[in-house]
Amino acid sequence: MADTNNFPSGKIIVHHLNNSRSQRILWLLEELGVPYEIKKYQRTPGLLAPEELEAVNPIGTAPVITDGSVNLAESGAIVEYIIRKYGNGRARPPASGEVDDLYYTHASEGSLMPLFVNSYITHIITERTPWLIRPIVGFLMAKLRAKALEPRLRTHAQMIEQRLTEVDGGWIAGGEQPTAADYMMIFPLEGMSMLCPEFLGINTQRYLRRIHERPAYRRGLELGGKYDYAP
């Protein structure tokens, strides 16, 4: 559905950073069939977003969308905005799943991602430490992960596994289609599948595979470019 060439006015522009949360926005737009344009940004050698992103988001992070006069950052806000404006009743949870949809939509960034990011940073610190002191730093970072981060990551992984068991391997809100919770949870779960795959239960692994096999997800992946967190 996306076209990275010249769109007429009125199309959503996704300011897309490689290997970032903005991949989930492409999946959502493809699922809903909403026309959009991708403006791509590449991470620096230090894995940071380039300064050009500050022109559309003063914080300099992605994703950001531009929809007419609306310029909106933050994944959760973008997902909810797109579903409300362009969903036409799609991507909405059944009444029985509204609370779970609300919880996991916000838990993805509010609770799970800070743990994942901090754990990831400890790996980066170890890798970038001069070789002479790397064993000591690696030991300290491993201790930090084991004491402060991994137990909580396991708890979150167990919660999502339990939820996916309750819905019999279906969508988080229990309906027939992905909702905001799925679009938000996909990124931290993909990250965990790379960083600590042993934490993910069988239903969570199946859930990720099922999403990765969806045609809309594959289209977003092809259009978005480099993305290390999915096959």
C-alpha atoms as a PDB file:
ATOM      1  CA  MET A   1       0.000   0.000   0.000  1.00  0.00           C
ATOM      2  CA  ALA A   2       2.902   2.350   0.630  1.00  0.00           C
ATOM      3  CA  ASP A   3       4.599   4.282  -2.119  1.00  0.00           C
ATOM      4  CA  THR A   4       7.864   6.017  -1.358  1.00  0.00           C
ATOM      5  CA  ASN A   5       7.556   8.201  -4.441  1.00  0.00           C
ATOM      6  CA  ASN A   6       5.506  11.407  -4.667  1.00  0.00           C
ATOM      7  CA  PHE A   7       2.152  11.145  -2.955  1.00  0.00           C
ATOM      8  CA  PRO A   8      -0.621  13.664  -3.480  1.00  0.00           C
ATOM      9  CA  SER A   9      -1.364  15.827  -0.455  1.00  0.00           C
ATOM     10  CA  GLY A  10      -3.385  14.276   2.348  1.00  0.00           C
ATOM     11  CA  LYS A  11      -1.470  10.988   2.640  1.00  0.00           C
ATOM     12  CA  ILE A  12       0.085   9.943   5.916  1.00  0.00           C
ATOM     13  CA  ILE A  13       3.856  10.305   6.003  1.00  0.00           C
ATOM     14  CA  VAL A  14       5.653   7.826   8.246  1.00  0.00           C
ATOM     15  CA  HIS A  15       9.052   9.084   9.368  1.00  0.00           C
ATOM     16  CA  HIS A  16      10.635   5.662   9.584  1.00  0.00           C
ATOM     17  CA  LEU A  17      13.896   4.808  11.329  1.00  0.00           C
ATOM     18  CA  ASN A  18      15.499   1.475  10.515  1.00  0.00           C
ATOM     19  CA  ASN A  19      15.482  -1.122  13.311  1.00  0.00           C
ATOM     20  CA  SER A  20      12.992   0.829  15.370  1.00  0.00           C
ATOM     21  CA  ARG A  21       9.484   0.971  16.765  1.00  0.00           C
ATOM     22  CA  SER A  22       8.260   2.563  13.547  1.00  0.00           C
ATOM     23  CA  GLN A  23       8.106  -0.887  11.921  1.00  0.00           C
ATOM     24  CA  ARG A  24       4.945  -1.578  13.946  1.00  0.00           C
ATOM     25  CA  ILE A  25       3.307   1.496  12.354  1.00  0.00           C
ATOM     26  CA  LEU A  26       3.944   0.133   8.860  1.00  0.00           C
ATOM     27  CA  TRP A  27       2.325  -3.171   9.852  1.00  0.00           C
ATOM     28  CA  LEU A  28      -0.752  -1.356  11.190  1.00  0.00           C
ATOM     29  CA  LEU A  29      -1.152   0.807   8.086  1.00  0.00           C
ATOM     30  CA  GLU A  30      -0.781  -2.213   5.818  1.00  0.00           C
ATOM     31  CA  GLU A  31      -3.383  -4.171   7.804  1.00  0.00           C
ATOM     32  CA  LEU A  32      -5.858  -1.295   7.556  1.00  0.00           C
ATOM     33  CA  GLY A  33      -5.064  -0.569   3.918  1.00  0.00           C
ATOM     34  CA  VAL A  34      -4.321   3.096   4.595  1.00  0.00           C
ATOM     35  CA  PRO A  35      -2.207   4.773   1.885  1.00  0.00           C
ATOM     36  CA  TYR A  36       0.995   6.236   3.221  1.00  0.00           C
ATOM     37  CA  GLU A  37       4.422   7.494   2.262  1.00  0.00           C
ATOM     38  CA  ILE A  38       7.641   6.445   3.943  1.00  0.00           C
ATOM     39  CA  LYS A  39      10.413   8.914   4.648  1.00  0.00           C
ATOM     40  CA  LYS A  40      13.398   6.844   5.702  1.00  0.00           C
ATOM     41  CA  TYR A  41      16.086   7.689   8.222  1.00  0.00           C
ATOM     42  CA  GLN A  42      19.162   5.607   8.990  1.00  0.00           C
ATOM     43  CA  ARG A  43      20.777   5.114  12.375  1.00  0.00           C
ATOM     44  CA  THR A  44      24.238   6.520  12.957  1.00  0.00           C
ATOM     45  CA  PRO A  45      27.227   4.201  13.558  1.00  0.00           C
ATOM     46  CA  GLY A  46      26.479   4.720  17.262  1.00  0.00           C
ATOM     47  CA  LEU A  47      22.976   3.281  16.674  1.00  0.00           C
ATOM     48  CA  LEU A  48      21.330   6.641  17.378  1.00  0.00           C
ATOM     49  CA  ALA A  49      18.680   8.372  15.279  1.00  0.00           C
ATOM     50  CA  PRO A  50      20.103  10.973  12.881  1.00  0.00           C
ATOM     51  CA  GLU A  51      19.781  14.681  13.628  1.00  0.00           C
ATOM     52  CA  GLU A  52      17.421  15.106  10.660  1.00  0.00           C
ATOM     53  CA  LEU A  53      14.631  13.567  12.720  1.00  0.00           C
ATOM     54  CA  GLU A  54      14.691  16.616  14.997  1.00  0.00           C
ATOM     55  CA  ALA A  55      13.095  18.590  12.176  1.00  0.00           C
ATOM     56  CA  VAL A  56       9.866  16.609  12.632  1.00  0.00           C
ATOM     57  CA  ASN A  57      10.236  15.620  16.293  1.00  0.00           C
ATOM     58  CA  PRO A  58      12.292  17.861  18.619  1.00  0.00           C
ATOM     59  CA  ILE A  59      13.163  14.814  20.733  1.00  0.00           C
ATOM     60  CA  GLY A  60      14.695  13.263  17.609  1.00  0.00           C
ATOM     61  CA  THR A  61      13.109   9.820  17.906  1.00  0.00           C
ATOM     62  CA  ALA A  62      10.922   7.648  15.684  1.00  0.00           C
ATOM     63  CA  PRO A  63       8.224   6.877  14.834  1.00  0.00           C
ATOM     64  CA  VAL A  64       6.615  10.126  13.837  1.00  0.00           C
ATOM     65  CA  ILE A  65       3.706  10.534  11.441  1.00  0.00           C
ATOM     66  CA  THR A  66       2.570  13.593   9.554  1.00  0.00           C
ATOM     67  CA  ASP A  67      -1.109  13.576   8.623  1.00  0.00           C
ATOM     68  CA  GLY A  68      -2.052  16.920   7.130  1.00  0.00           C
ATOM     69  CA  SER A  69      -1.568  19.470   9.871  1.00  0.00           C
ATOM     70  CA  VAL A  70      -1.049  16.754  12.505  1.00  0.00           C
ATOM     71  CA  ASN A  71       2.511  15.864  13.457  1.00  0.00           C
ATOM     72  CA  LEU A  72       2.468  13.070  16.020  1.00  0.00           C
ATOM     73  CA  ALA A  73       5.194  11.115  17.824  1.00  0.00           C
ATOM     74  CA  GLU A  74       5.088   8.205  20.308  1.00  0.00           C
ATOM     75  CA  SER A  75       4.116   4.735  19.113  1.00  0.00           C
ATOM     76  CA  GLY A  76       1.116   4.342  21.401  1.00  0.00           C
ATOM     77  CA  ALA A  77      -0.344   7.702  20.450  1.00  0.00           C
ATOM     78  CA  ILE A  78       0.198   6.977  16.742  1.00  0.00           C
ATOM     79  CA  VAL A  79      -1.400   3.530  16.920  1.00  0.00           C
ATOM     80  CA  GLU A  80      -4.463   4.838  18.739  1.00  0.00           C
ATOM     81  CA  TYR A  81      -4.752   7.845  16.405  1.00  0.00           C
ATOM     82  CA  ILE A  82      -4.640   5.724  13.256  1.00  0.00           C
ATOM     83  CA  ILE A  83      -7.137   3.182  14.579  1.00  0.00           C
ATOM     84  CA  ARG A  84      -9.569   5.904  15.665  1.00  0.00           C
ATOM     85  CA  LYS A  85      -9.322   7.911  12.447  1.00  0.00           C
ATOM     86  CA  TYR A  86      -8.833   5.224   9.805  1.00  0.00           C
ATOM     87  CA  GLY A  87      -9.905   1.944  11.395  1.00  0.00           C
ATOM     88  CA  ASN A  88     -13.584   2.147  10.418  1.00  0.00           C
ATOM     89  CA  GLY A  89     -14.382  -0.291  13.194  1.00  0.00           C
ATOM     90  CA  ARG A  90     -11.392  -2.519  12.534  1.00  0.00           C
ATOM     91  CA  ALA A  91      -8.609  -3.201  15.048  1.00  0.00           C
ATOM     92  CA  ARG A  92     -11.105  -2.749  17.883  1.00  0.00           C
ATOM     93  CA  PRO A  93     -11.240  -5.274  20.727  1.00  0.00           C
ATOM     94  CA  PRO A  94     -14.393  -7.179  21.639  1.00  0.00           C
ATOM     95  CA  ALA A  95     -16.077  -5.988  24.822  1.00  0.00           C
ATOM     96  CA  SER A  96     -14.634  -8.943  26.701  1.00  0.00           C
ATOM     97  CA  GLY A  97     -11.106  -7.948  25.732  1.00  0.00           C
ATOM     98  CA  GLU A  98     -11.194  -4.183  26.210  1.00  0.00           C
ATOM     99  CA  VAL A  99      -9.325  -4.198  29.515  1.00  0.00           C
ATOM    100  CA  ASP A 100      -6.612  -6.540  28.222  1.00  0.00           C
ATOM    101  CA  ASP A 101      -6.264  -4.420  25.103  1.00  0.00           C
ATOM    102  CA  LEU A 102      -5.890  -1.282  27.216  1.00  0.00           C
ATOM    103  CA  TYR A 103      -3.415  -2.886  29.606  1.00  0.00           C
ATOM    104  CA  TYR A 104      -1.065  -4.446  27.061  1.00  0.00           C
ATOM    105  CA  THR A 105      -1.197  -1.383  24.791  1.00  0.00           C
ATOM    106  CA  HIS A 106       0.341   0.679  27.582  1.00  0.00           C
ATOM    107  CA  ALA A 107       2.385  -2.014  29.346  1.00  0.00           C
ATOM    108  CA  SER A 108       4.413  -2.540  26.171  1.00  0.00           C
ATOM    109  CA  GLU A 109       6.134   0.843  26.483  1.00  0.00           C
ATOM    110  CA  GLY A 110       5.411   1.705  30.100  1.00  0.00           C
ATOM    111  CA  SER A 111       6.784  -1.467  31.705  1.00  0.00           C
ATOM    112  CA  LEU A 112       8.326  -3.918  29.251  1.00  0.00           C
ATOM    113  CA  MET A 113      10.382  -1.711  26.929  1.00  0.00           C
ATOM    114  CA  PRO A 114      12.352   0.082  29.694  1.00  0.00           C
ATOM    115  CA  LEU A 115      13.478  -3.313  30.990  1.00  0.00           C
ATOM    116  CA  PHE A 116      14.396  -4.537  27.520  1.00  0.00           C
ATOM    117  CA  VAL A 117      16.254  -1.324  26.618  1.00  0.00           C
ATOM    118  CA  ASN A 118      18.241  -1.344  29.865  1.00  0.00           C
ATOM    119  CA  SER A 119      19.163  -4.983  29.341  1.00  0.00           C
ATOM    120  CA  TYR A 120      20.190  -4.253  25.746  1.00  0.00           C
ATOM    121  CA  ILE A 121      22.326  -1.329  26.904  1.00  0.00           C
ATOM    122  CA  THR A 122      24.270  -3.589  29.271  1.00  0.00           C
ATOM    123  CA  HIS A 123      25.204  -5.760  26.284  1.00  0.00           C
ATOM    124  CA  ILE A 124      26.258  -2.705  24.261  1.00  0.00           C
ATOM    125  CA  ILE A 125      28.386  -1.402  27.145  1.00  0.00           C
ATOM    126  CA  THR A 126      30.183  -4.738  27.360  1.00  0.00           C
ATOM    127  CA  GLU A 127      30.777  -4.908  23.607  1.00  0.00           C
ATOM    128  CA  ARG A 128      32.189  -1.381  23.471  1.00  0.00           C
ATOM    129  CA  THR A 129      34.420  -1.652  26.518  1.00  0.00           C
ATOM    130  CA  PRO A 130      38.179  -1.831  25.776  1.00  0.00           C
ATOM    131  CA  TRP A 131      39.257  -5.441  25.660  1.00  0.00           C
ATOM    132  CA  LEU A 132      41.611  -5.111  28.621  1.00  0.00           C
ATOM    133  CA  ILE A 133      38.793  -4.447  31.108  1.00  0.00           C
ATOM    134  CA  ARG A 134      35.958  -6.080  29.160  1.00  0.00           C
ATOM    135  CA  PRO A 135      35.867  -9.244  31.333  1.00  0.00           C
ATOM    136  CA  ILE A 136      35.352  -7.176  34.467  1.00  0.00           C
ATOM    137  CA  VAL A 137      32.725  -4.928  32.894  1.00  0.00           C
ATOM    138  CA  GLY A 138      31.002  -7.935  31.330  1.00  0.00           C
ATOM    139  CA  PHE A 139      30.858  -9.635  34.709  1.00  0.00           C
ATOM    140  CA  LEU A 140      29.328  -6.553  36.349  1.00  0.00           C
ATOM    141  CA  MET A 141      26.784  -6.075  33.543  1.00  0.00           C
ATOM    142  CA  ALA A 142      25.786  -9.739  33.753  1.00  0.00           C
ATOM    143  CA  LYS A 143      25.273  -9.367  37.501  1.00  0.00           C
ATOM    144  CA  LEU A 144      23.112  -6.294  36.914  1.00  0.00           C
ATOM    145  CA  ARG A 145      20.956  -8.128  34.386  1.00  0.00           C
ATOM    146  CA  ALA A 146      20.598 -11.182  36.625  1.00  0.00           C
ATOM    147  CA  LYS A 147      19.610  -9.182  39.689  1.00  0.00           C
ATOM    148  CA  ALA A 148      17.626  -6.213  38.399  1.00  0.00           C
ATOM    149  CA  LEU A 149      16.408  -6.873  34.862  1.00  0.00           C
ATOM    150  CA  GLU A 150      16.005 -10.512  33.888  1.00  0.00           C
ATOM    151  CA  PRO A 151      13.658 -11.527  36.727  1.00  0.00           C
ATOM    152  CA  ARG A 152      11.232  -8.777  35.700  1.00  0.00           C
ATOM    153  CA  LEU A 153      11.594  -9.600  32.015  1.00  0.00           C
ATOM    154  CA  ARG A 154      10.715 -13.208  32.828  1.00  0.00           C
ATOM    155  CA  THR A 155       7.650 -12.060  34.744  1.00  0.00           C
ATOM    156  CA  HIS A 156       6.415 -10.044  31.767  1.00  0.00           C
ATOM    157  CA  ALA A 157       7.118 -12.949  29.432  1.00  0.00           C
ATOM    158  CA  GLN A 158       5.116 -15.266  31.673  1.00  0.00           C
ATOM    159  CA  MET A 159       2.201 -12.816  31.751  1.00  0.00           C
ATOM    160  CA  ILE A 160       1.982 -12.546  27.976  1.00  0.00           C
ATOM    161  CA  GLU A 161       2.343 -16.320  27.641  1.00  0.00           C
ATOM    162  CA  GLN A 162      -0.547 -16.787  30.080  1.00  0.00           C
ATOM    163  CA  ARG A 163      -2.675 -14.298  28.168  1.00  0.00           C
ATOM    164  CA  LEU A 164      -1.992 -16.006  24.837  1.00  0.00           C
ATOM    165  CA  THR A 165      -2.860 -19.333  26.446  1.00  0.00           C
ATOM    166  CA  GLU A 166      -6.172 -17.880  27.662  1.00  0.00           C
ATOM    167  CA  VAL A 167      -7.083 -16.743  24.153  1.00  0.00           C
ATOM    168  CA  ASP A 168      -6.013 -20.121  22.743  1.00  0.00           C
ATOM    169  CA  GLY A 169      -3.125 -18.726  20.744  1.00  0.00           C
ATOM    170  CA  GLY A 170      -5.215 -15.904  19.285  1.00  0.00           C
ATOM    171  CA  TRP A 171      -4.910 -12.141  19.539  1.00  0.00           C
ATOM    172  CA  ILE A 172      -4.231 -10.475  22.859  1.00  0.00           C
ATOM    173  CA  ALA A 173      -7.709  -8.949  23.164  1.00  0.00           C
ATOM    174  CA  GLY A 174      -9.309 -12.223  22.186  1.00  0.00           C
ATOM    175  CA  GLY A 175     -10.973 -11.010  18.984  1.00  0.00           C
ATOM    176  CA  GLU A 176     -10.644 -12.100  15.375  1.00  0.00           C
ATOM    177  CA  GLN A 177      -8.162  -9.399  14.363  1.00  0.00           C
ATOM    178  CA  PRO A 178      -5.116  -7.690  15.839  1.00  0.00           C
ATOM    179  CA  THR A 179      -5.796  -4.639  17.985  1.00  0.00           C
ATOM    180  CA  ALA A 180      -3.666  -1.862  19.466  1.00  0.00           C
ATOM    181  CA  ALA A 181      -2.249  -4.289  22.035  1.00  0.00           C
ATOM    182  CA  ASP A 182      -0.827  -6.522  19.297  1.00  0.00           C
ATOM    183  CA  TYR A 183       0.632  -3.632  17.324  1.00  0.00           C
ATOM    184  CA  MET A 184       2.287  -2.336  20.470  1.00  0.00           C
ATOM    185  CA  MET A 185       3.510  -5.635  21.936  1.00  0.00           C
ATOM    186  CA  ILE A 186       5.112  -6.900  18.738  1.00  0.00           C
ATOM    187  CA  PHE A 187       8.256  -4.770  19.041  1.00  0.00           C
ATOM    188  CA  PRO A 188       9.302  -5.645  22.614  1.00  0.00           C
ATOM    189  CA  LEU A 189       8.507  -9.301  21.990  1.00  0.00           C
ATOM    190  CA  GLU A 190      10.620  -9.275  18.828  1.00  0.00           C
ATOM    191  CA  GLY A 191      13.418  -7.684  20.823  1.00  0.00           C
ATOM    192  CA  MET A 192      13.167 -10.335  23.501  1.00  0.00           C
ATOM    193  CA  SER A 193      13.213 -13.050  20.859  1.00  0.00           C
ATOM    194  CA  MET A 194      16.650 -11.764  19.871  1.00  0.00           C
ATOM    195  CA  LEU A 195      18.058 -10.871  23.295  1.00  0.00           C
ATOM    196  CA  CYS A 196      16.558 -13.531  25.582  1.00  0.00           C
ATOM    197  CA  PRO A 197      14.555 -16.053  23.506  1.00  0.00           C
ATOM    198  CA  GLU A 198      14.603 -18.569  26.346  1.00  0.00           C
ATOM    199  CA  PHE A 199      12.159 -16.347  28.254  1.00  0.00           C
ATOM    200  CA  LEU A 200       9.406 -16.716  25.647  1.00  0.00           C
ATOM    201  CA  GLY A 201       6.865 -19.504  26.012  1.00  0.00           C
ATOM    202  CA  ILE A 202       5.599 -21.724  23.222  1.00  0.00           C
ATOM    203  CA  ASN A 203       2.424 -19.727  22.606  1.00  0.00           C
ATOM    204  CA  THR A 204       4.401 -16.483  22.441  1.00  0.00           C
ATOM    205  CA  GLN A 205       6.776 -18.018  19.913  1.00  0.00           C
ATOM    206  CA  ARG A 206       3.819 -19.171  17.813  1.00  0.00           C
ATOM    207  CA  TYR A 207       2.251 -15.728  18.137  1.00  0.00           C
ATOM    208  CA  LEU A 208       5.371 -14.075  16.735  1.00  0.00           C
ATOM    209  CA  ARG A 209       5.599 -16.542  13.859  1.00  0.00           C
ATOM    210  CA  ARG A 210       1.938 -16.003  12.989  1.00  0.00           C
ATOM    211  CA  ILE A 211       2.421 -12.238  12.856  1.00  0.00           C
ATOM    212  CA  HIS A 212       5.592 -12.543  10.786  1.00  0.00           C
ATOM    213  CA  GLU A 213       3.728 -14.686   8.271  1.00  0.00           C
ATOM    214  CA  ARG A 214       0.896 -12.193   7.760  1.00  0.00           C
ATOM    215  CA  PRO A 215       0.973 -10.621   4.275  1.00  0.00           C
ATOM    216  CA  ALA A 216       0.485  -7.124   5.710  1.00  0.00           C
ATOM    217  CA  TYR A 217       3.431  -7.563   8.057  1.00  0.00           C
ATOM    218  CA  ARG A 218       5.600  -8.877   5.225  1.00  0.00           C
ATOM    219  CA  ARG A 219       4.692  -5.905   3.019  1.00  0.00           C
ATOM    220  CA  GLY A 220       5.613  -3.477   5.777  1.00  0.00           C
ATOM    221  CA  LEU A 221       8.878  -5.322   6.295  1.00  0.00           C
ATOM    222  CA  GLU A 222       9.784  -5.169   2.617  1.00  0.00           C
ATOM    223  CA  LEU A 223       8.980  -1.461   2.364  1.00  0.00           C
ATOM    224  CA  GLY A 224      10.598  -0.455   5.633  1.00  0.00           C
ATOM    225  CA  GLY A 225      14.058  -1.766   4.866  1.00  0.00           C
ATOM    226  CA  LYS A 226      16.638  -3.086   7.306  1.00  0.00           C
ATOM    227  CA  TYR A 227      15.024  -4.638  10.388  1.00  0.00           C
ATOM    228  CA  ASP A 228      16.933  -7.141  12.459  1.00  0.00           C
ATOM    229  CA  TYR A 229      14.152  -8.291  14.767  1.00  0.00           C
ATOM    230  CA  ALA A 230      12.138 -10.458  12.384  1.00  0.00           C
ATOM    231  CA  PRO A 231      13.016 -13.216   9.895  1.00  0.00           C
END
